[in-house]
Amino acid sequence: MIITDASFLPLLGKDAEAVAAFKEIAAYFDTRWPLAVPRQVLVDLTGETGRIHLIATKESLEEHERQMAEQGADETVRTLAQKVTPLAVPGTRRDEFRRVA
């Protein structure tokens, strides 16, 4: 199993709006590409305070890559992503992958 973590820093004063936009994406993903463990939207309280994360647990890297390809072709995903882009500090997006030990 792998854990995917897509995150970004919201613009100052836009954190609630950015969290709501990321939750909307997570909800759509959970209906379109359901997982055994529902996706979570988390906000850092320490370290990079305020960084917003979309966490997902997937069976394999292959499953993740397949979903990413499908999401890239999905018009709704593109529309939802356009809501997040103006709320994020440019250049702060980060994608991380972890293997469950």
C-alpha atoms as a PDB file:
ATOM      1  CA  MET A   1       0.000   0.000   0.000  1.00  0.00           C
ATOM      2  CA  ILE A   2       1.077   3.563  -0.575  1.00  0.00           C
ATOM      3  CA  ILE A   3       0.048   6.864   0.945  1.00  0.00           C
ATOM      4  CA  THR A   4      -0.170   9.824  -1.432  1.00  0.00           C
ATOM      5  CA  ASP A   5       0.082  13.358  -0.083  1.00  0.00           C
ATOM      6  CA  ALA A   6      -0.679  16.329  -2.353  1.00  0.00           C
ATOM      7  CA  SER A   7      -0.232  19.645  -0.551  1.00  0.00           C
ATOM      8  CA  PHE A   8       0.139  23.400  -0.958  1.00  0.00           C
ATOM      9  CA  LEU A   9       0.319  26.596   1.077  1.00  0.00           C
ATOM     10  CA  PRO A  10      -2.747  28.823   0.803  1.00  0.00           C
ATOM     11  CA  LEU A  11      -2.483  32.551   0.232  1.00  0.00           C
ATOM     12  CA  LEU A  12      -2.718  34.666   3.365  1.00  0.00           C
ATOM     13  CA  GLY A  13      -6.349  34.952   4.436  1.00  0.00           C
ATOM     14  CA  LYS A  14      -7.525  32.306   1.944  1.00  0.00           C
ATOM     15  CA  ASP A  15      -7.024  29.224   4.106  1.00  0.00           C
ATOM     16  CA  ALA A  16     -10.717  28.481   4.805  1.00  0.00           C
ATOM     17  CA  GLU A  17     -11.600  28.935   1.144  1.00  0.00           C
ATOM     18  CA  ALA A  18      -8.668  26.720   0.100  1.00  0.00           C
ATOM     19  CA  VAL A  19      -9.634  23.969   2.573  1.00  0.00           C
ATOM     20  CA  ALA A  20     -13.209  24.047   1.244  1.00  0.00           C
ATOM     21  CA  ALA A  21     -11.940  23.765  -2.350  1.00  0.00           C
ATOM     22  CA  PHE A  22      -9.659  20.811  -1.464  1.00  0.00           C
ATOM     23  CA  LYS A  23     -12.558  19.113   0.374  1.00  0.00           C
ATOM     24  CA  GLU A  24     -14.686  19.511  -2.741  1.00  0.00           C
ATOM     25  CA  ILE A  25     -11.964  17.782  -4.782  1.00  0.00           C
ATOM     26  CA  ALA A  26     -11.670  14.988  -2.188  1.00  0.00           C
ATOM     27  CA  ALA A  27     -15.437  14.435  -2.217  1.00  0.00           C
ATOM     28  CA  TYR A  28     -15.503  14.200  -6.009  1.00  0.00           C
ATOM     29  CA  PHE A  29     -12.533  11.814  -6.025  1.00  0.00           C
ATOM     30  CA  ASP A  30     -14.232   9.621  -3.396  1.00  0.00           C
ATOM     31  CA  THR A  31     -17.342   9.274  -5.568  1.00  0.00           C
ATOM     32  CA  ARG A  32     -15.495   8.874  -8.899  1.00  0.00           C
ATOM     33  CA  TRP A  33     -12.477   6.832  -7.658  1.00  0.00           C
ATOM     34  CA  PRO A  34     -13.498   5.344  -4.298  1.00  0.00           C
ATOM     35  CA  LEU A  35     -10.803   3.927  -2.016  1.00  0.00           C
ATOM     36  CA  ALA A  36     -10.996   1.483   0.903  1.00  0.00           C
ATOM     37  CA  VAL A  37      -9.960   4.364   3.192  1.00  0.00           C
ATOM     38  CA  PRO A  38     -11.679   7.668   2.307  1.00  0.00           C
ATOM     39  CA  ARG A  39      -9.415  10.575   1.401  1.00  0.00           C
ATOM     40  CA  GLN A  40      -8.619  13.104   4.108  1.00  0.00           C
ATOM     41  CA  VAL A  41      -7.942  16.833   3.980  1.00  0.00           C
ATOM     42  CA  LEU A  42      -5.511  17.858   6.724  1.00  0.00           C
ATOM     43  CA  VAL A  43      -3.959  21.178   7.770  1.00  0.00           C
ATOM     44  CA  ASP A  44      -0.500  21.427   9.368  1.00  0.00           C
ATOM     45  CA  LEU A  45      -0.451  22.846  12.888  1.00  0.00           C
ATOM     46  CA  THR A  46       3.351  22.672  13.182  1.00  0.00           C
ATOM     47  CA  GLY A  47       6.217  22.869  10.708  1.00  0.00           C
ATOM     48  CA  GLU A  48       4.780  24.584   7.642  1.00  0.00           C
ATOM     49  CA  THR A  49       1.793  25.896   9.568  1.00  0.00           C
ATOM     50  CA  GLY A  50      -1.293  26.103   7.396  1.00  0.00           C
ATOM     51  CA  ARG A  51      -0.090  23.749   4.624  1.00  0.00           C
ATOM     52  CA  ILE A  52      -3.153  21.897   3.321  1.00  0.00           C
ATOM     53  CA  HIS A  53      -2.827  18.185   2.472  1.00  0.00           C
ATOM     54  CA  LEU A  54      -4.992  15.750   0.503  1.00  0.00           C
ATOM     55  CA  ILE A  55      -4.082  12.286   1.820  1.00  0.00           C
ATOM     56  CA  ALA A  56      -5.096   9.043   0.096  1.00  0.00           C
ATOM     57  CA  THR A  57      -4.263   5.386   0.776  1.00  0.00           C
ATOM     58  CA  LYS A  58      -3.979   3.294  -2.382  1.00  0.00           C
ATOM     59  CA  GLU A  59      -3.267  -0.362  -3.012  1.00  0.00           C
ATOM     60  CA  SER A  60      -0.275   0.269  -5.288  1.00  0.00           C
ATOM     61  CA  LEU A  61       1.667   2.829  -7.262  1.00  0.00           C
ATOM     62  CA  GLU A  62       0.079   1.348 -10.395  1.00  0.00           C
ATOM     63  CA  GLU A  63      -3.392   2.149  -9.034  1.00  0.00           C
ATOM     64  CA  HIS A  64      -2.255   5.713  -8.318  1.00  0.00           C
ATOM     65  CA  GLU A  65      -0.820   6.151 -11.825  1.00  0.00           C
ATOM     66  CA  ARG A  66      -4.020   4.792 -13.416  1.00  0.00           C
ATOM     67  CA  GLN A  67      -6.174   7.179 -11.395  1.00  0.00           C
ATOM     68  CA  MET A  68      -3.885  10.115 -12.228  1.00  0.00           C
ATOM     69  CA  ALA A  69      -4.240   9.375 -15.948  1.00  0.00           C
ATOM     70  CA  GLU A  70      -8.035   9.209 -15.634  1.00  0.00           C
ATOM     71  CA  GLN A  71      -8.130  12.383 -13.535  1.00  0.00           C
ATOM     72  CA  GLY A  72      -6.054  14.213 -16.149  1.00  0.00           C
ATOM     73  CA  ALA A  73      -8.735  13.451 -18.742  1.00  0.00           C
ATOM     74  CA  ASP A  74     -11.662  14.349 -16.447  1.00  0.00           C
ATOM     75  CA  GLU A  75     -13.198  17.777 -17.119  1.00  0.00           C
ATOM     76  CA  THR A  76     -14.662  18.039 -13.604  1.00  0.00           C
ATOM     77  CA  VAL A  77     -11.216  17.536 -12.070  1.00  0.00           C
ATOM     78  CA  ARG A  78      -9.816  20.344 -14.227  1.00  0.00           C
ATOM     79  CA  THR A  79     -12.675  22.639 -13.183  1.00  0.00           C
ATOM     80  CA  LEU A  80     -12.182  21.845  -9.492  1.00  0.00           C
ATOM     81  CA  ALA A  81      -8.409  22.342  -9.772  1.00  0.00           C
ATOM     82  CA  GLN A  82      -9.008  25.800 -11.244  1.00  0.00           C
ATOM     83  CA  LYS A  83     -10.752  26.732  -7.984  1.00  0.00           C
ATOM     84  CA  VAL A  84      -7.640  25.829  -5.951  1.00  0.00           C
ATOM     85  CA  THR A  85      -4.975  27.425  -8.155  1.00  0.00           C
ATOM     86  CA  PRO A  86      -5.774  31.097  -7.354  1.00  0.00           C
ATOM     87  CA  LEU A  87      -5.875  30.262  -3.616  1.00  0.00           C
ATOM     88  CA  ALA A  88      -2.350  28.776  -3.465  1.00  0.00           C
ATOM     89  CA  VAL A  89       1.010  30.453  -3.023  1.00  0.00           C
ATOM     90  CA  PRO A  90       2.730  29.893  -6.411  1.00  0.00           C
ATOM     91  CA  GLY A  91       5.375  27.162  -6.363  1.00  0.00           C
ATOM     92  CA  THR A  92       4.280  25.559  -3.071  1.00  0.00           C
ATOM     93  CA  ARG A  93       2.537  22.482  -4.456  1.00  0.00           C
ATOM     94  CA  ARG A  94       4.170  19.252  -3.355  1.00  0.00           C
ATOM     95  CA  ASP A  95       3.367  15.595  -4.106  1.00  0.00           C
ATOM     96  CA  GLU A  96       4.814  12.945  -1.796  1.00  0.00           C
ATOM     97  CA  PHE A  97       4.462   9.176  -1.735  1.00  0.00           C
ATOM     98  CA  ARG A  98       5.053   6.830   1.192  1.00  0.00           C
ATOM     99  CA  ARG A  99       5.003   3.035   1.362  1.00  0.00           C
ATOM    100  CA  VAL A 100       3.204   1.424   4.277  1.00  0.00           C
ATOM    101  CA  ALA A 101       5.798  -0.654   6.151  1.00  0.00           C
END
